[in-house]
């Protein structure tokens, strides 16, 4: 007698912003079903394609085995976990919560321990921050950095396969440490691209020609490919919002302190992005670093 196939994993998503929405679209296409929720019911295109709208996080949890939370940080996540209609209220079946935000590794571990106790072990947490930007979210080519129990991350990786490539890097919090490393490189590269663009233009060199040439050499990168036109055209409409880099670099600083690392670049990058936000550019794209350099 042939054994029955395991039931399909039911997936829910909350946090349908610039990253969460295209990820949800890819999940719906691949899995054929998806539960969604948000502050307002405005994702009609997803519903028309078969997604199920849930009025509350509690209702989302009831329809899900895995919930992906693509929210800015832990305070926003904690807000939808708590209360009578929160995600953990009345939970009566195992649930894997995927924390997609760039957050503090220690904060994620503390939250996971609290949720495990509240739900008597029913809720398991995996941290899974992503890299690749909105372009990668749309294309389903994100790099997904996972931390957590091996069995839980295996479930998470299968669920998120339509969104990109997942790698378990260690226990809970390891994904957040990896994302801190990623953001250190991204912020340094973005600031270098911005400064080089200004230096070139003020020296009489066309930035478009510069980046077409240098992009074929060691200065080339995915970040340059995605931000080249924005830098050249001063198009600061947000794809990745600059102000979030402030918290990301703060978490990188926490990791440095915890590992007794004395970084060279990190303090300068924190100061630069703090200044950028103080100058009122925080809601613009990361490429607004060019304007920061021009205005200083």
Foldseek 3Di string as FASTA:
>chain_A
DDDDDDDDFAEEEEDCPLQRVLLVVLLCVVRVEYEYEYPDPDPVVSVVSHYHYDDALCRRLVRGQEYEYPDAEVVVLVVQQDDCRHNLHPDDAAHEYEDQHLYAQVVQVVVQVVSCVVNVNRYGYKYWHWDDFSVLQNQLAIETEIAADPVSVVVVCVSSNSNHHYDYPYHRSRSNLVVLVVLLVVLVLLLVLLVVLVVQVVVVHQLLVVCVVCLVDPNNDSSCVVCVVCLNVVPFAARPFLLSSLNSLVSNVVVCVVVVHDDDCSVVSNVLSVVCVVVPRRRTYSNCSNVSVVVD
